PDB file of all heavy atoms in Angstrom:
ATOM      1  N   ARG A   1      -3.577  53.497 -83.221  1.00  0.00           N
ATOM      2  CA  ARG A   1      -4.992  53.131 -83.101  1.00  0.00           C
ATOM      3  C   ARG A   1      -5.389  52.684 -81.705  1.00  0.00           C
ATOM      4  O   ARG A   1      -6.562  52.752 -81.340  1.00  0.00           O
ATOM      5  CB  ARG A   1      -5.326  52.037 -84.124  1.00  0.00           C
ATOM      6  CG  ARG A   1      -5.249  52.510 -85.568  1.00  0.00           C
ATOM      7  CD  ARG A   1      -5.634  51.399 -86.534  1.00  0.00           C
ATOM      8  NE  ARG A   1      -5.664  51.878 -87.921  1.00  0.00           N
ATOM      9  CZ  ARG A   1      -6.027  51.129 -88.958  1.00  0.00           C
ATOM     10  NH1 ARG A   1      -6.389  49.869 -88.770  1.00  0.00           N
ATOM     11  NH2 ARG A   1      -6.030  51.638 -90.186  1.00  0.00           N
ATOM     12  N   ILE A   2      -4.425  52.227 -80.916  1.00  0.00           N
ATOM     13  CA  ILE A   2      -4.759  51.757 -79.562  1.00  0.00           C
ATOM     14  C   ILE A   2      -5.390  52.871 -78.741  1.00  0.00           C
ATOM     15  O   ILE A   2      -6.233  52.613 -77.868  1.00  0.00           O
ATOM     16  CB  ILE A   2      -3.514  51.184 -78.843  1.00  0.00           C
ATOM     17  CG1 ILE A   2      -3.923  50.415 -77.577  1.00  0.00           C
ATOM     18  CG2 ILE A   2      -2.516  52.285 -78.505  1.00  0.00           C
ATOM     19  CD1 ILE A   2      -4.733  49.174 -77.835  1.00  0.00           C
ATOM     20  N   LEU A   3      -5.033  54.129 -79.026  1.00  0.00           N
ATOM     21  CA  LEU A   3      -5.582  55.253 -78.261  1.00  0.00           C
ATOM     22  C   LEU A   3      -7.101  55.323 -78.390  1.00  0.00           C
ATOM     23  O   LEU A   3      -7.811  55.582 -77.415  1.00  0.00           O
ATOM     24  CB  LEU A   3      -4.959  56.567 -78.732  1.00  0.00           C
ATOM     25  CG  LEU A   3      -3.455  56.741 -78.468  1.00  0.00           C
ATOM     26  CD1 LEU A   3      -2.969  58.081 -79.011  1.00  0.00           C
ATOM     27  CD2 LEU A   3      -3.159  56.629 -76.977  1.00  0.00           C
ATOM     28  N   HIS A   4      -7.618  55.083 -79.586  1.00  0.00           N
ATOM     29  CA  HIS A   4      -9.062  55.137 -79.804  1.00  0.00           C
ATOM     30  C   HIS A   4      -9.769  53.985 -79.092  1.00  0.00           C
ATOM     31  O   HIS A   4     -10.864  54.152 -78.552  1.00  0.00           O
ATOM     32  CB  HIS A   4      -9.370  55.123 -81.299  1.00  0.00           C
ATOM     33  CG  HIS A   4      -8.819  56.321 -82.021  1.00  0.00           C
ATOM     34  ND1 HIS A   4      -9.456  57.538 -82.016  1.00  0.00           N
ATOM     35  CD2 HIS A   4      -7.664  56.498 -82.725  1.00  0.00           C
ATOM     36  CE1 HIS A   4      -8.730  58.418 -82.705  1.00  0.00           C
ATOM     37  NE2 HIS A   4      -7.649  57.802 -83.142  1.00  0.00           N
ATOM     38  N   HIS A   5      -9.135  52.827 -79.072  1.00  0.00           N
ATOM     39  CA  HIS A   5      -9.732  51.688 -78.369  1.00  0.00           C
ATOM     40  C   HIS A   5      -9.714  51.903 -76.861  1.00  0.00           C
ATOM     41  O   HIS A   5     -10.656  51.519 -76.156  1.00  0.00           O
ATOM     42  CB  HIS A   5      -9.006  50.397 -78.751  1.00  0.00           C
ATOM     43  CG  HIS A   5      -9.069  50.105 -80.214  1.00  0.00           C
ATOM     44  ND1 HIS A   5     -10.254  50.079 -80.919  1.00  0.00           N
ATOM     45  CD2 HIS A   5      -8.082  49.857 -81.125  1.00  0.00           C
ATOM     46  CE1 HIS A   5     -10.007  49.825 -82.191  1.00  0.00           C
ATOM     47  NE2 HIS A   5      -8.696  49.688 -82.336  1.00  0.00           N
ATOM     48  N   LEU A   6      -8.655  52.536 -76.361  1.00  0.00           N
ATOM     49  CA  LEU A   6      -8.596  52.855 -74.936  1.00  0.00           C
ATOM     50  C   LEU A   6      -9.695  53.860 -74.582  1.00  0.00           C
ATOM     51  O   LEU A   6     -10.353  53.738 -73.545  1.00  0.00           O
ATOM     52  CB  LEU A   6      -7.218  53.414 -74.569  1.00  0.00           C
ATOM     53  CG  LEU A   6      -6.066  52.406 -74.572  1.00  0.00           C
ATOM     54  CD1 LEU A   6      -4.734  53.117 -74.460  1.00  0.00           C
ATOM     55  CD2 LEU A   6      -6.228  51.398 -73.428  1.00  0.00           C
ATOM     56  N   LYS A   7      -9.906  54.843 -75.447  1.00  0.00           N
ATOM     57  CA  LYS A   7     -10.953  55.845 -75.212  1.00  0.00           C
ATOM     58  C   LYS A   7     -12.316  55.179 -75.029  1.00  0.00           C
ATOM     59  O   LYS A   7     -13.103  55.567 -74.176  1.00  0.00           O
ATOM     60  CB  LYS A   7     -11.031  56.830 -76.391  1.00  0.00           C
ATOM     61  CG  LYS A   7     -10.012  57.950 -76.373  1.00  0.00           C
ATOM     62  CD  LYS A   7     -10.200  58.877 -77.565  1.00  0.00           C
ATOM     63  CE  LYS A   7     -11.577  59.495 -77.603  1.00  0.00           C
ATOM     64  NZ  LYS A   7     -11.738  60.467 -78.710  1.00  0.00           N
ATOM     65  N   HIS A   8     -12.603  54.177 -75.832  1.00  0.00           N
ATOM     66  CA  HIS A   8     -13.922  53.545 -75.819  1.00  0.00           C
ATOM     67  C   HIS A   8     -14.053  52.410 -74.798  1.00  0.00           C
ATOM     68  O   HIS A   8     -15.174  51.945 -74.544  1.00  0.00           O
ATOM     69  CB  HIS A   8     -14.260  53.011 -77.217  1.00  0.00           C
ATOM     70  CG  HIS A   8     -14.615  54.084 -78.198  1.00  0.00           C
ATOM     71  ND1 HIS A   8     -13.657  54.800 -78.904  1.00  0.00           N
ATOM     72  CD2 HIS A   8     -15.815  54.601 -78.567  1.00  0.00           C
ATOM     73  CE1 HIS A   8     -14.258  55.681 -79.682  1.00  0.00           C
ATOM     74  NE2 HIS A   8     -15.559  55.586 -79.504  1.00  0.00           N
ATOM     75  N   ASN A   9     -12.946  51.959 -74.229  1.00  0.00           N
ATOM     76  CA  ASN A   9     -13.009  50.783 -73.351  1.00  0.00           C
ATOM     77  C   ASN A   9     -12.461  51.003 -71.942  1.00  0.00           C
ATOM     78  O   ASN A   9     -12.767  50.235 -71.036  1.00  0.00           O
ATOM     79  CB  ASN A   9     -12.249  49.616 -73.985  1.00  0.00           C
ATOM     80  CG  ASN A   9     -12.941  49.048 -75.213  1.00  0.00           C
ATOM     81  OD1 ASN A   9     -13.797  48.173 -75.118  1.00  0.00           O
ATOM     82  ND2 ASN A   9     -12.564  49.550 -76.379  1.00  0.00           N
ATOM     83  N   LEU A  10     -11.653  52.039 -71.762  1.00  0.00           N
ATOM     84  CA  LEU A  10     -10.914  52.200 -70.506  1.00  0.00           C
ATOM     85  C   LEU A  10     -11.818  52.463 -69.303  1.00  0.00           C
ATOM     86  O   LEU A  10     -11.458  52.127 -68.172  1.00  0.00           O
ATOM     87  CB  LEU A  10      -9.902  53.345 -70.656  1.00  0.00           C
ATOM     88  CG  LEU A  10      -8.626  53.308 -69.808  1.00  0.00           C
ATOM     89  CD1 LEU A  10      -7.915  51.971 -69.961  1.00  0.00           C
ATOM     90  CD2 LEU A  10      -7.711  54.448 -70.193  1.00  0.00           C
ATOM     91  N   GLU A  11     -12.992  53.052 -69.535  1.00  0.00           N
ATOM     92  CA  GLU A  11     -13.878  53.391 -68.418  1.00  0.00           C
ATOM     93  C   GLU A  11     -14.863  52.275 -68.086  1.00  0.00           C
ATOM     94  O   GLU A  11     -15.739  52.451 -67.249  1.00  0.00           O
ATOM     95  CB  GLU A  11     -14.605  54.704 -68.719  1.00  0.00           C
ATOM     96  CG  GLU A  11     -13.657  55.898 -68.748  1.00  0.00           C
ATOM     97  CD  GLU A  11     -14.376  57.230 -68.750  1.00  0.00           C
ATOM     98  OE1 GLU A  11     -15.428  57.333 -69.429  1.00  0.00           O
ATOM     99  OE2 GLU A  11     -13.888  58.173 -68.093  1.00  0.00           O
ATOM    100  N   SER A  12     -14.689  51.113 -68.709  1.00  0.00           N
ATOM    101  CA  SER A  12     -15.532  49.960 -68.389  1.00  0.00           C
ATOM    102  C   SER A  12     -14.773  49.000 -67.473  1.00  0.00           C
ATOM    103  O   SER A  12     -13.670  48.563 -67.807  1.00  0.00           O
ATOM    104  CB  SER A  12     -15.940  49.216 -69.663  1.00  0.00           C
ATOM    105  OG  SER A  12     -16.532  47.968 -69.335  1.00  0.00           O
ATOM    106  N   PRO A  13     -15.348  48.640 -66.331  1.00  0.00           N
ATOM    107  CA  PRO A  13     -14.676  47.693 -65.426  1.00  0.00           C
ATOM    108  C   PRO A  13     -14.582  46.279 -66.002  1.00  0.00           C
ATOM    109  O   PRO A  13     -13.868  45.434 -65.463  1.00  0.00           O
ATOM    110  CB  PRO A  13     -15.554  47.722 -64.166  1.00  0.00           C
ATOM    111  CG  PRO A  13     -16.878  48.223 -64.632  1.00  0.00           C
ATOM    112  CD  PRO A  13     -16.602  49.151 -65.780  1.00  0.00           C
ATOM    113  N   ARG A  14     -15.299  46.026 -67.100  1.00  0.00           N
ATOM    114  CA  ARG A  14     -15.229  44.703 -67.736  1.00  0.00           C
ATOM    115  C   ARG A  14     -14.051  44.600 -68.702  1.00  0.00           C
ATOM    116  O   ARG A  14     -13.722  43.519 -69.164  1.00  0.00           O
ATOM    117  CB  ARG A  14     -16.527  44.416 -68.500  1.00  0.00           C
ATOM    118  CG  ARG A  14     -17.763  44.369 -67.601  1.00  0.00           C
ATOM    119  CD  ARG A  14     -18.891  43.621 -68.274  1.00  0.00           C
ATOM    120  NE  ARG A  14     -19.170  44.124 -69.604  1.00  0.00           N
ATOM    121  CZ  ARG A  14     -19.668  43.388 -70.602  1.00  0.00           C
ATOM    122  NH1 ARG A  14     -19.908  42.113 -70.412  1.00  0.00           N
ATOM    123  NH2 ARG A  14     -19.912  43.920 -71.785  1.00  0.00           N
ATOM    124  N   THR A  15     -13.424  45.732 -69.010  1.00  0.00           N
ATOM    125  CA  THR A  15     -12.291  45.741 -69.942  1.00  0.00           C
ATOM    126  C   THR A  15     -11.016  45.281 -69.241  1.00  0.00           C
ATOM    127  O   THR A  15     -10.781  45.605 -68.078  1.00  0.00           O
ATOM    128  CB  THR A  15     -12.064  47.167 -70.500  1.00  0.00           C
ATOM    129  OG1 THR A  15     -13.218  47.570 -71.225  1.00  0.00           O
ATOM    130  CG2 THR A  15     -10.843  47.206 -71.409  1.00  0.00           C
ATOM    131  N   ALA A  16     -10.203  44.536 -69.970  1.00  0.00           N
ATOM    132  CA  ALA A  16      -8.870  44.164 -69.490  1.00  0.00           C
ATOM    133  C   ALA A  16      -7.841  44.738 -70.458  1.00  0.00           C
ATOM    134  O   ALA A  16      -7.996  44.602 -71.671  1.00  0.00           O
ATOM    135  CB  ALA A  16      -8.731  42.650 -69.403  1.00  0.00           C
ATOM    136  N   VAL A  17      -6.842  45.395 -69.926  1.00  0.00           N
ATOM    137  CA  VAL A  17      -5.736  45.904 -70.735  1.00  0.00           C
ATOM    138  C   VAL A  17      -4.483  45.150 -70.325  1.00  0.00           C
ATOM    139  O   VAL A  17      -4.122  45.132 -69.143  1.00  0.00           O
ATOM    140  CB  VAL A  17      -5.523  47.423 -70.537  1.00  0.00           C
ATOM    141  CG1 VAL A  17      -4.353  47.912 -71.394  1.00  0.00           C
ATOM    142  CG2 VAL A  17      -6.788  48.198 -70.876  1.00  0.00           C
ATOM    143  N   ILE A  18      -3.861  44.491 -71.302  1.00  0.00           N
ATOM    144  CA  ILE A  18      -2.643  43.727 -71.006  1.00  0.00           C
ATOM    145  C   ILE A  18      -1.456  44.480 -71.591  1.00  0.00           C
ATOM    146  O   ILE A  18      -1.313  44.607 -72.816  1.00  0.00           O
ATOM    147  CB  ILE A  18      -2.708  42.301 -71.582  1.00  0.00           C
ATOM    148  CG1 ILE A  18      -3.966  41.574 -71.076  1.00  0.00           C
ATOM    149  CG2 ILE A  18      -1.452  41.517 -71.199  1.00  0.00           C
ATOM    150  CD1 ILE A  18      -4.144  40.179 -71.648  1.00  0.00           C
ATOM    151  N   ILE A  19      -0.613  45.003 -70.712  1.00  0.00           N
ATOM    152  CA  ILE A  19       0.601  45.711 -71.120  1.00  0.00           C
ATOM    153  C   ILE A  19       1.699  44.673 -71.276  1.00  0.00           C
ATOM    154  O   ILE A  19       2.036  43.965 -70.320  1.00  0.00           O
ATOM    155  CB  ILE A  19       1.008  46.752 -70.059  1.00  0.00           C
ATOM    156  CG1 ILE A  19      -0.138  47.740 -69.781  1.00  0.00           C
ATOM    157  CG2 ILE A  19       2.277  47.472 -70.476  1.00  0.00           C
ATOM    158  CD1 ILE A  19      -0.435  48.694 -70.889  1.00  0.00           C
ATOM    159  N   VAL A  20       2.245  44.541 -72.476  1.00  0.00           N
ATOM    160  CA  VAL A  20       3.274  43.523 -72.717  1.00  0.00           C
ATOM    161  C   VAL A  20       4.635  44.202 -72.918  1.00  0.00           C
ATOM    162  O   VAL A  20       4.875  44.849 -73.926  1.00  0.00           O
ATOM    163  CB  VAL A  20       2.920  42.633 -73.933  1.00  0.00           C
ATOM    164  CG1 VAL A  20       1.843  41.634 -73.571  1.00  0.00           C
ATOM    165  CG2 VAL A  20       2.439  43.463 -75.116  1.00  0.00           C
ATOM    166  N   GLY A  21       5.487  44.067 -71.935  1.00  0.00           N
ATOM    167  CA  GLY A  21       6.839  44.594 -72.075  1.00  0.00           C
ATOM    168  C   GLY A  21       7.050  45.939 -71.421  1.00  0.00           C
ATOM    169  O   GLY A  21       6.151  46.521 -70.803  1.00  0.00           O
ATOM    170  N   TYR A  22       8.249  46.430 -71.569  1.00  0.00           N
ATOM    171  CA  TYR A  22       8.698  47.666 -70.930  1.00  0.00           C
ATOM    172  C   TYR A  22       7.932  48.879 -71.435  1.00  0.00           C
ATOM    173  O   TYR A  22       7.612  48.984 -72.623  1.00  0.00           O
ATOM    174  CB  TYR A  22      10.198  47.846 -71.212  1.00  0.00           C
ATOM    175  CG  TYR A  22      10.758  49.159 -70.732  1.00  0.00           C
ATOM    176  CD1 TYR A  22      11.034  49.372 -69.384  1.00  0.00           C
ATOM    177  CD2 TYR A  22      11.006  50.193 -71.634  1.00  0.00           C
ATOM    178  CE1 TYR A  22      11.539  50.578 -68.947  1.00  0.00           C
ATOM    179  CE2 TYR A  22      11.523  51.408 -71.208  1.00  0.00           C
ATOM    180  CZ  TYR A  22      11.783  51.593 -69.856  1.00  0.00           C
ATOM    181  OH  TYR A  22      12.284  52.793 -69.432  1.00  0.00           O
ATOM    182  N   GLN A  23       7.632  49.793 -70.522  1.00  0.00           N
ATOM    183  CA  GLN A  23       6.953  51.048 -70.848  1.00  0.00           C
ATOM    184  C   GLN A  23       7.833  52.212 -70.397  1.00  0.00           C
ATOM    185  O   GLN A  23       8.128  52.339 -69.207  1.00  0.00           O
ATOM    186  CB  GLN A  23       5.591  51.121 -70.153  1.00  0.00           C
ATOM    187  CG  GLN A  23       4.654  49.967 -70.474  1.00  0.00           C
ATOM    188  CD  GLN A  23       4.185  49.978 -71.914  1.00  0.00           C
ATOM    189  OE1 GLN A  23       3.600  50.933 -72.393  1.00  0.00           O
ATOM    190  NE2 GLN A  23       4.448  48.878 -72.618  1.00  0.00           N
ATOM    191  N   ALA A  24       8.239  53.045 -71.322  1.00  0.00           N
ATOM    192  CA  ALA A  24       9.145  54.152 -71.004  1.00  0.00           C
ATOM    193  C   ALA A  24       8.446  55.194 -70.144  1.00  0.00           C
ATOM    194  O   ALA A  24       7.229  55.399 -70.235  1.00  0.00           O
ATOM    195  CB  ALA A  24       9.653  54.798 -72.293  1.00  0.00           C
ATOM    196  N   GLN A  25       9.231  55.866 -69.318  1.00  0.00           N
ATOM    197  CA  GLN A  25       8.694  56.943 -68.491  1.00  0.00           C
ATOM    198  C   GLN A  25       8.115  58.036 -69.385  1.00  0.00           C
ATOM    199  O   GLN A  25       8.663  58.356 -70.428  1.00  0.00           O
ATOM    200  CB  GLN A  25       9.801  57.521 -67.606  1.00  0.00           C
ATOM    201  CG  GLN A  25      10.250  56.586 -66.498  1.00  0.00           C
ATOM    202  CD  GLN A  25      11.328  57.197 -65.624  1.00  0.00           C
ATOM    203  OE1 GLN A  25      11.983  58.145 -66.011  1.00  0.00           O
ATOM    204  NE2 GLN A  25      11.509  56.653 -64.433  1.00  0.00           N
ATOM    205  N   GLY A  26       6.975  58.570 -68.956  1.00  0.00           N
ATOM    206  CA  GLY A  26       6.348  59.638 -69.710  1.00  0.00           C
ATOM    207  C   GLY A  26       5.329  59.170 -70.734  1.00  0.00           C
ATOM    208  O   GLY A  26       4.651  59.990 -71.351  1.00  0.00           O
ATOM    209  N   THR A  27       5.211  57.859 -70.935  1.00  0.00           N
ATOM    210  CA  THR A  27       4.245  57.337 -71.912  1.00  0.00           C
ATOM    211  C   THR A  27       2.934  56.987 -71.207  1.00  0.00           C
ATOM    212  O   THR A  27       2.901  56.741 -69.987  1.00  0.00           O
ATOM    213  CB  THR A  27       4.770  56.087 -72.623  1.00  0.00           C
ATOM    214  OG1 THR A  27       4.972  55.032 -71.651  1.00  0.00           O
ATOM    215  CG2 THR A  27       6.094  56.377 -73.333  1.00  0.00           C
ATOM    216  N   LEU A  28       1.857  56.933 -71.980  1.00  0.00           N
ATOM    217  CA  LEU A  28       0.562  56.541 -71.433  1.00  0.00           C
ATOM    218  C   LEU A  28       0.606  55.111 -70.917  1.00  0.00           C
ATOM    219  O   LEU A  28       0.014  54.789 -69.878  1.00  0.00           O
ATOM    220  CB  LEU A  28      -0.513  56.697 -72.511  1.00  0.00           C
ATOM    221  CG  LEU A  28      -1.925  56.220 -72.157  1.00  0.00           C
ATOM    222  CD1 LEU A  28      -2.462  56.945 -70.930  1.00  0.00           C
ATOM    223  CD2 LEU A  28      -2.858  56.392 -73.348  1.00  0.00           C
ATOM    224  N   GLY A  29       1.338  54.252 -71.640  1.00  0.00           N
ATOM    225  CA  GLY A  29       1.476  52.866 -71.202  1.00  0.00           C
ATOM    226  C   GLY A  29       2.078  52.772 -69.810  1.00  0.00           C
ATOM    227  O   GLY A  29       1.655  51.952 -68.987  1.00  0.00           O
ATOM    228  N   ARG A  30       3.080  53.632 -69.535  1.00  0.00           N
ATOM    229  CA  ARG A  30       3.718  53.637 -68.214  1.00  0.00           C
ATOM    230  C   ARG A  30       2.734  54.121 -67.144  1.00  0.00           C
ATOM    231  O   ARG A  30       2.689  53.573 -66.042  1.00  0.00           O
ATOM    232  CB  ARG A  30       4.951  54.537 -68.253  1.00  0.00           C
ATOM    233  CG  ARG A  30       5.729  54.613 -66.939  1.00  0.00           C
ATOM    234  CD  ARG A  30       6.256  53.237 -66.505  1.00  0.00           C
ATOM    235  NE  ARG A  30       7.167  53.362 -65.388  1.00  0.00           N
ATOM    236  CZ  ARG A  30       8.493  53.437 -65.513  1.00  0.00           C
ATOM    237  NH1 ARG A  30       9.048  53.402 -66.720  1.00  0.00           N
ATOM    238  NH2 ARG A  30       9.263  53.549 -64.468  1.00  0.00           N
ATOM    239  N   GLN A  31       1.937  55.125 -67.473  1.00  0.00           N
ATOM    240  CA  GLN A  31       0.937  55.624 -66.525  1.00  0.00           C
ATOM    241  C   GLN A  31      -0.044  54.519 -66.151  1.00  0.00           C
ATOM    242  O   GLN A  31      -0.373  54.332 -64.975  1.00  0.00           O
ATOM    243  CB  GLN A  31       0.182  56.808 -67.121  1.00  0.00           C
ATOM    244  CG  GLN A  31       1.004  58.069 -67.318  1.00  0.00           C
ATOM    245  CD  GLN A  31       0.182  59.151 -67.998  1.00  0.00           C
ATOM    246  OE1 GLN A  31      -0.951  59.438 -67.611  1.00  0.00           O
ATOM    247  NE2 GLN A  31       0.736  59.740 -69.045  1.00  0.00           N
ATOM    248  N   LEU A  32      -0.517  53.790 -67.162  1.00  0.00           N
ATOM    249  CA  LEU A  32      -1.462  52.710 -66.912  1.00  0.00           C
ATOM    250  C   LEU A  32      -0.814  51.600 -66.082  1.00  0.00           C
ATOM    251  O   LEU A  32      -1.406  51.081 -65.138  1.00  0.00           O
ATOM    252  CB  LEU A  32      -1.980  52.145 -68.234  1.00  0.00           C
ATOM    253  CG  LEU A  32      -2.864  53.082 -69.071  1.00  0.00           C
ATOM    254  CD1 LEU A  32      -3.157  52.465 -70.433  1.00  0.00           C
ATOM    255  CD2 LEU A  32      -4.165  53.396 -68.340  1.00  0.00           C
ATOM    256  N   ALA A  33       0.425  51.241 -66.443  1.00  0.00           N
ATOM    257  CA  ALA A  33       1.137  50.182 -65.721  1.00  0.00           C
ATOM    258  C   ALA A  33       1.398  50.576 -64.273  1.00  0.00           C
ATOM    259  O   ALA A  33       1.406  49.718 -63.380  1.00  0.00           O
ATOM    260  CB  ALA A  33       2.455  49.868 -66.431  1.00  0.00           C
ATOM    261  N   ASP A  34       1.591  51.870 -64.031  1.00  0.00           N
ATOM    262  CA  ASP A  34       1.864  52.360 -62.672  1.00  0.00           C
ATOM    263  C   ASP A  34       0.590  52.583 -61.859  1.00  0.00           C
ATOM    264  O   ASP A  34       0.646  53.045 -60.719  1.00  0.00           O
ATOM    265  CB  ASP A  34       2.666  53.666 -62.728  1.00  0.00           C
ATOM    266  CG  ASP A  34       4.126  53.433 -63.101  1.00  0.00           C
ATOM    267  OD1 ASP A  34       4.568  52.269 -63.081  1.00  0.00           O
ATOM    268  OD2 ASP A  34       4.825  54.418 -63.423  1.00  0.00           O
ATOM    269  N   GLY A  35      -0.573  52.296 -62.455  1.00  0.00           N
ATOM    270  CA  GLY A  35      -1.818  52.359 -61.706  1.00  0.00           C
ATOM    271  C   GLY A  35      -2.533  53.693 -61.693  1.00  0.00           C
ATOM    272  O   GLY A  35      -3.312  53.982 -60.773  1.00  0.00           O
ATOM    273  N   ALA A  36      -2.299  54.517 -62.707  1.00  0.00           N
ATOM    274  CA  ALA A  36      -2.971  55.819 -62.775  1.00  0.00           C
ATOM    275  C   ALA A  36      -4.488  55.638 -62.796  1.00  0.00           C
ATOM    276  O   ALA A  36      -5.006  54.743 -63.466  1.00  0.00           O
ATOM    277  CB  ALA A  36      -2.520  56.579 -64.014  1.00  0.00           C
TER     278      ALA A  36
END
């Protein structure tokens, strides 16, 4: 379900996304953590 929330919130500069813990290479979480 997080994917749908990211779709609706990721393009707003008021949104904060907190990545908690390790993100494997190749995952969307890793892309976000790496500053995509």
